[in-house]
């Protein structure tokens, strides 16, 4: 699923996924809803959302490894 979002996603060593995302409220709401389902290989047990001030605007959306 694609969203009009800037930021990044990263799989953390503890099995959690960290998403840093910037967009309008509609696209962020769609992303958060999708996070509750996740990919076909995921086992989602919770989603935590935090609003923070951004220091710089990302140029796109990247997958960190």
C-alpha atoms as a PDB file:
ATOM      1  CA  UNK A   1       0.000   0.000   0.000  1.00  0.00           C
ATOM      2  CA  UNK A   2       1.360   3.438  -0.894  1.00  0.00           C
ATOM      3  CA  UNK A   3       0.823   6.699   0.950  1.00  0.00           C
ATOM      4  CA  UNK A   4       1.891  10.266   0.214  1.00  0.00           C
ATOM      5  CA  UNK A   5       4.292  10.266   3.180  1.00  0.00           C
ATOM      6  CA  UNK A   6       7.857  11.422   3.856  1.00  0.00           C
ATOM      7  CA  UNK A   7      10.056   9.660   6.419  1.00  0.00           C
ATOM      8  CA  UNK A   8      11.464   6.211   7.088  1.00  0.00           C
ATOM      9  CA  UNK A   9      10.741   2.749   8.450  1.00  0.00           C
ATOM     10  CA  UNK A  10      13.162   0.520  10.349  1.00  0.00           C
ATOM     11  CA  UNK A  11      13.001  -2.993  11.826  1.00  0.00           C
ATOM     12  CA  UNK A  12      14.475  -2.819  15.330  1.00  0.00           C
ATOM     13  CA  UNK A  13      16.520  -5.609  16.969  1.00  0.00           C
ATOM     14  CA  UNK A  14      13.744  -6.212  19.545  1.00  0.00           C
ATOM     15  CA  UNK A  15      11.275  -7.164  16.780  1.00  0.00           C
ATOM     16  CA  UNK A  16       9.446  -3.842  16.776  1.00  0.00           C
ATOM     17  CA  UNK A  17       9.121  -1.554  13.769  1.00  0.00           C
ATOM     18  CA  UNK A  18       9.849   2.188  14.003  1.00  0.00           C
ATOM     19  CA  UNK A  19       8.158   4.491  11.481  1.00  0.00           C
ATOM     20  CA  UNK A  20       9.037   8.175  11.279  1.00  0.00           C
ATOM     21  CA  UNK A  21       6.387   9.782   9.056  1.00  0.00           C
ATOM     22  CA  UNK A  22       5.350  13.241   7.891  1.00  0.00           C
ATOM     23  CA  UNK A  23       2.182  13.893   5.887  1.00  0.00           C
ATOM     24  CA  UNK A  24      -1.290  15.343   6.171  1.00  0.00           C
ATOM     25  CA  UNK A  25      -3.729  13.937   8.743  1.00  0.00           C
ATOM     26  CA  UNK A  26      -5.668  11.848   6.212  1.00  0.00           C
ATOM     27  CA  UNK A  27      -2.580   9.994   4.963  1.00  0.00           C
ATOM     28  CA  UNK A  28      -1.200   9.516   8.473  1.00  0.00           C
ATOM     29  CA  UNK A  29      -4.549   8.111   9.647  1.00  0.00           C
ATOM     30  CA  UNK A  30      -4.473   5.615   6.747  1.00  0.00           C
ATOM     31  CA  UNK A  31      -0.906   4.617   7.641  1.00  0.00           C
ATOM     32  CA  UNK A  32      -1.783   4.110  11.300  1.00  0.00           C
ATOM     33  CA  UNK A  33      -4.802   1.979  10.341  1.00  0.00           C
ATOM     34  CA  UNK A  34      -2.600  -0.114   8.021  1.00  0.00           C
ATOM     35  CA  UNK A  35      -0.047  -0.581  10.833  1.00  0.00           C
ATOM     36  CA  UNK A  36      -2.658  -2.494  12.849  1.00  0.00           C
ATOM     37  CA  UNK A  37      -2.686  -5.100  10.049  1.00  0.00           C
ATOM     38  CA  UNK A  38       0.899  -4.897   8.823  1.00  0.00           C
ATOM     39  CA  UNK A  39       2.455  -7.045   6.146  1.00  0.00           C
ATOM     40  CA  UNK A  40       1.387 -10.673   5.564  1.00  0.00           C
ATOM     41  CA  UNK A  41       4.418 -11.857   7.592  1.00  0.00           C
ATOM     42  CA  UNK A  42       3.834  -9.612  10.614  1.00  0.00           C
ATOM     43  CA  UNK A  43       2.249 -10.283  13.993  1.00  0.00           C
ATOM     44  CA  UNK A  44       0.963  -6.914  15.212  1.00  0.00           C
ATOM     45  CA  UNK A  45       0.264  -6.749  18.959  1.00  0.00           C
ATOM     46  CA  UNK A  46       0.074  -2.964  19.319  1.00  0.00           C
ATOM     47  CA  UNK A  47       0.629   0.397  17.678  1.00  0.00           C
ATOM     48  CA  UNK A  48       1.985   3.424  19.548  1.00  0.00           C
ATOM     49  CA  UNK A  49       1.680   6.894  18.010  1.00  0.00           C
ATOM     50  CA  UNK A  50       3.663   9.925  19.208  1.00  0.00           C
ATOM     51  CA  UNK A  51       3.646  13.450  17.803  1.00  0.00           C
ATOM     52  CA  UNK A  52       7.042  15.141  17.786  1.00  0.00           C
ATOM     53  CA  UNK A  53       8.575  18.313  16.367  1.00  0.00           C
ATOM     54  CA  UNK A  54      10.582  17.702  13.209  1.00  0.00           C
ATOM     55  CA  UNK A  55      14.153  18.945  12.913  1.00  0.00           C
ATOM     56  CA  UNK A  56      14.397  18.612   9.128  1.00  0.00           C
ATOM     57  CA  UNK A  57      12.084  17.591   6.305  1.00  0.00           C
ATOM     58  CA  UNK A  58      13.038  14.264   4.690  1.00  0.00           C
ATOM     59  CA  UNK A  59      13.371  14.141   0.895  1.00  0.00           C
ATOM     60  CA  UNK A  60      11.358  10.951   0.462  1.00  0.00           C
ATOM     61  CA  UNK A  61      10.498   7.715   2.240  1.00  0.00           C
ATOM     62  CA  UNK A  62      13.288   5.202   2.864  1.00  0.00           C
ATOM     63  CA  UNK A  63      13.596   1.722   4.328  1.00  0.00           C
ATOM     64  CA  UNK A  64      16.467   1.559   6.809  1.00  0.00           C
ATOM     65  CA  UNK A  65      18.282  -1.711   7.307  1.00  0.00           C
END
